[in-house]
Amino acid sequence: ARMFILMAENRRGLDAARRGIILFPTKADYYILAATAAHRLGESKEAESILEEGLTVFSQAGVELSYPLHLAIAELYFQLGRIKQSQAHISYVLERAPDNTDAVAFQKKLKT
């Protein structure tokens, strides 16, 4: 999936990442790759849906470390101009992992 996306073959990347989600439902990378490909294809609602699905799956599975998914959806919301929603996901990460460097850097980006 990553290779297709890097080669700008986003439709194939999306399909490959979706297969990865089916095989490995608690591997955040597949949700992030699928959402990235969908967003690049102009399917922002689909990207949001994919990331929200990942958060739901992680929550139901009791997987605590969903920080990459929260950061990915925060970035998507930021790009869509949905700053309050973006902030909510960054706050979620920072409340649980105040030293998360990606979340700290993103928080600074939100304040500019």
C-alpha atoms as a PDB file:
ATOM      1  CA  ALA A   1       0.000   0.000   0.000  1.00  0.00           C
ATOM      2  CA  ARG A   2       2.754   2.433   0.987  1.00  0.00           C
ATOM      3  CA  MET A   3       4.625   1.798  -2.261  1.00  0.00           C
ATOM      4  CA  PHE A   4       1.549   2.538  -4.383  1.00  0.00           C
ATOM      5  CA  ILE A   5       0.883   5.757  -2.497  1.00  0.00           C
ATOM      6  CA  LEU A   6       4.500   6.853  -2.831  1.00  0.00           C
ATOM      7  CA  MET A   7       4.225   6.214  -6.560  1.00  0.00           C
ATOM      8  CA  ALA A   8       1.038   8.366  -6.644  1.00  0.00           C
ATOM      9  CA  GLU A   9      -1.062   5.309  -7.476  1.00  0.00           C
ATOM     10  CA  ASN A  10      -3.551   6.238  -4.817  1.00  0.00           C
ATOM     11  CA  ARG A  11      -6.450   4.032  -5.963  1.00  0.00           C
ATOM     12  CA  ARG A  12      -4.244   0.937  -5.834  1.00  0.00           C
ATOM     13  CA  GLY A  13      -2.790   2.135  -2.543  1.00  0.00           C
ATOM     14  CA  LEU A  14      -6.271   2.556  -1.091  1.00  0.00           C
ATOM     15  CA  ASP A  15      -7.275  -0.934  -2.206  1.00  0.00           C
ATOM     16  CA  ALA A  16      -4.084  -2.466  -0.783  1.00  0.00           C
ATOM     17  CA  ALA A  17      -4.491  -0.642   2.523  1.00  0.00           C
ATOM     18  CA  ARG A  18      -8.113  -1.802   2.789  1.00  0.00           C
ATOM     19  CA  ARG A  19      -6.923  -5.378   2.378  1.00  0.00           C
ATOM     20  CA  GLY A  20      -4.379  -4.720   5.117  1.00  0.00           C
ATOM     21  CA  ILE A  21      -7.130  -3.447   7.421  1.00  0.00           C
ATOM     22  CA  ILE A  22      -9.078  -6.668   6.882  1.00  0.00           C
ATOM     23  CA  LEU A  23      -6.034  -8.816   7.629  1.00  0.00           C
ATOM     24  CA  PHE A  24      -4.635  -6.696  10.478  1.00  0.00           C
ATOM     25  CA  PRO A  25      -7.482  -4.639  11.988  1.00  0.00           C
ATOM     26  CA  THR A  26      -5.400  -3.314  14.883  1.00  0.00           C
ATOM     27  CA  LYS A  27      -2.461  -2.078  12.801  1.00  0.00           C
ATOM     28  CA  ALA A  28      -2.794   1.701  12.616  1.00  0.00           C
ATOM     29  CA  ASP A  29      -0.578   2.077   9.545  1.00  0.00           C
ATOM     30  CA  TYR A  30      -3.184   0.533   7.249  1.00  0.00           C
ATOM     31  CA  TYR A  31      -5.887   2.968   8.355  1.00  0.00           C
ATOM     32  CA  ILE A  32      -3.500   5.891   7.950  1.00  0.00           C
ATOM     33  CA  LEU A  33      -2.369   4.724   4.499  1.00  0.00           C
ATOM     34  CA  ALA A  34      -5.953   4.149   3.366  1.00  0.00           C
ATOM     35  CA  ALA A  35      -7.025   7.570   4.633  1.00  0.00           C
ATOM     36  CA  THR A  36      -4.036   9.249   2.980  1.00  0.00           C
ATOM     37  CA  ALA A  37      -4.863   7.633  -0.357  1.00  0.00           C
ATOM     38  CA  ALA A  38      -8.562   8.498  -0.068  1.00  0.00           C
ATOM     39  CA  HIS A  39      -7.761  12.114   0.790  1.00  0.00           C
ATOM     40  CA  ARG A  40      -5.384  12.399  -2.174  1.00  0.00           C
ATOM     41  CA  LEU A  41      -8.177  11.055  -4.381  1.00  0.00           C
ATOM     42  CA  GLY A  42     -10.374  13.895  -3.169  1.00  0.00           C
ATOM     43  CA  GLU A  43     -12.428  11.623  -0.938  1.00  0.00           C
ATOM     44  CA  SER A  44     -12.059  13.481   2.356  1.00  0.00           C
ATOM     45  CA  LYS A  45     -15.260  12.032   3.848  1.00  0.00           C
ATOM     46  CA  GLU A  46     -13.976   8.544   3.084  1.00  0.00           C
ATOM     47  CA  ALA A  47     -10.621   9.393   4.691  1.00  0.00           C
ATOM     48  CA  GLU A  48     -12.401  10.614   7.809  1.00  0.00           C
ATOM     49  CA  SER A  49     -14.580   7.503   7.889  1.00  0.00           C
ATOM     50  CA  ILE A  50     -11.554   5.212   7.613  1.00  0.00           C
ATOM     51  CA  LEU A  51      -9.750   6.905  10.508  1.00  0.00           C
ATOM     52  CA  GLU A  52     -12.882   6.961  12.677  1.00  0.00           C
ATOM     53  CA  GLU A  53     -13.345   3.259  11.939  1.00  0.00           C
ATOM     54  CA  GLY A  54      -9.786   2.633  13.096  1.00  0.00           C
ATOM     55  CA  LEU A  55     -10.398   4.509  16.342  1.00  0.00           C
ATOM     56  CA  THR A  56     -13.554   2.466  16.938  1.00  0.00           C
ATOM     57  CA  VAL A  57     -11.794  -0.837  16.231  1.00  0.00           C
ATOM     58  CA  PHE A  58      -8.907   0.089  18.520  1.00  0.00           C
ATOM     59  CA  SER A  59     -11.284   1.133  21.284  1.00  0.00           C
ATOM     60  CA  GLN A  60     -13.346  -2.054  21.028  1.00  0.00           C
ATOM     61  CA  ALA A  61     -10.190  -4.169  21.025  1.00  0.00           C
ATOM     62  CA  GLY A  62      -8.888  -2.387  24.111  1.00  0.00           C
ATOM     63  CA  VAL A  63      -5.855  -1.092  22.232  1.00  0.00           C
ATOM     64  CA  GLU A  64      -4.636   1.953  24.134  1.00  0.00           C
ATOM     65  CA  LEU A  65      -1.947   3.200  21.800  1.00  0.00           C
ATOM     66  CA  SER A  66      -4.087   4.694  19.072  1.00  0.00           C
ATOM     67  CA  TYR A  67      -2.047   7.906  19.091  1.00  0.00           C
ATOM     68  CA  PRO A  68      -0.997   7.629  15.428  1.00  0.00           C
ATOM     69  CA  LEU A  69      -4.665   7.442  14.429  1.00  0.00           C
ATOM     70  CA  HIS A  70      -5.512  10.471  16.551  1.00  0.00           C
ATOM     71  CA  LEU A  71      -2.617  12.401  15.022  1.00  0.00           C
ATOM     72  CA  ALA A  72      -3.650  11.379  11.497  1.00  0.00           C
ATOM     73  CA  ILE A  73      -7.252  12.452  11.965  1.00  0.00           C
ATOM     74  CA  ALA A  74      -6.082  15.682  13.619  1.00  0.00           C
ATOM     75  CA  GLU A  75      -4.016  16.408  10.499  1.00  0.00           C
ATOM     76  CA  LEU A  76      -6.956  15.618   8.225  1.00  0.00           C
ATOM     77  CA  TYR A  77      -9.258  17.915  10.205  1.00  0.00           C
ATOM     78  CA  PHE A  78      -6.591  20.629  10.148  1.00  0.00           C
ATOM     79  CA  GLN A  79      -6.312  20.386   6.349  1.00  0.00           C
ATOM     80  CA  LEU A  80     -10.104  20.602   6.100  1.00  0.00           C
ATOM     81  CA  GLY A  81     -10.182  23.692   8.326  1.00  0.00           C
ATOM     82  CA  ARG A  82     -11.930  21.874  11.159  1.00  0.00           C
ATOM     83  CA  ILE A  83      -9.607  23.214  13.829  1.00  0.00           C
ATOM     84  CA  LYS A  84     -11.733  22.438  16.916  1.00  0.00           C
ATOM     85  CA  GLN A  85     -11.992  18.788  15.932  1.00  0.00           C
ATOM     86  CA  SER A  86      -8.283  18.709  15.189  1.00  0.00           C
ATOM     87  CA  GLN A  87      -7.541  20.201  18.607  1.00  0.00           C
ATOM     88  CA  ALA A  88      -9.735  17.608  20.328  1.00  0.00           C
ATOM     89  CA  HIS A  89      -7.633  14.755  18.953  1.00  0.00           C
ATOM     90  CA  ILE A  90      -4.353  16.465  19.803  1.00  0.00           C
ATOM     91  CA  SER A  91      -5.634  17.107  23.323  1.00  0.00           C
ATOM     92  CA  TYR A  92      -6.549  13.427  23.644  1.00  0.00           C
ATOM     93  CA  VAL A  93      -2.974  12.426  22.877  1.00  0.00           C
ATOM     94  CA  LEU A  94      -1.374  15.109  25.061  1.00  0.00           C
ATOM     95  CA  GLU A  95      -3.549  14.220  28.065  1.00  0.00           C
ATOM     96  CA  ARG A  96      -2.272  10.648  27.908  1.00  0.00           C
ATOM     97  CA  ALA A  97       1.231  11.249  26.597  1.00  0.00           C
ATOM     98  CA  PRO A  98       2.317  14.828  27.329  1.00  0.00           C
ATOM     99  CA  ASP A  99       5.804  14.128  25.962  1.00  0.00           C
ATOM    100  CA  ASN A 100       4.576  12.885  22.580  1.00  0.00           C
ATOM    101  CA  THR A 101       6.773  14.999  20.328  1.00  0.00           C
ATOM    102  CA  ASP A 102       4.472  14.722  17.311  1.00  0.00           C
ATOM    103  CA  ALA A 103       1.483  15.941  19.322  1.00  0.00           C
ATOM    104  CA  VAL A 104       3.508  18.748  20.924  1.00  0.00           C
ATOM    105  CA  ALA A 105       4.697  19.924  17.493  1.00  0.00           C
ATOM    106  CA  PHE A 106       1.186  19.707  16.094  1.00  0.00           C
ATOM    107  CA  GLN A 107      -0.158  21.700  19.045  1.00  0.00           C
ATOM    108  CA  LYS A 108       2.307  24.473  18.177  1.00  0.00           C
ATOM    109  CA  LYS A 109       1.143  24.376  14.549  1.00  0.00           C
ATOM    110  CA  LEU A 110      -2.457  24.792  15.691  1.00  0.00           C
ATOM    111  CA  LYS A 111      -1.553  27.888  17.694  1.00  0.00           C
ATOM    112  CA  THR A 112       0.001  29.682  14.728  1.00  0.00           C
END
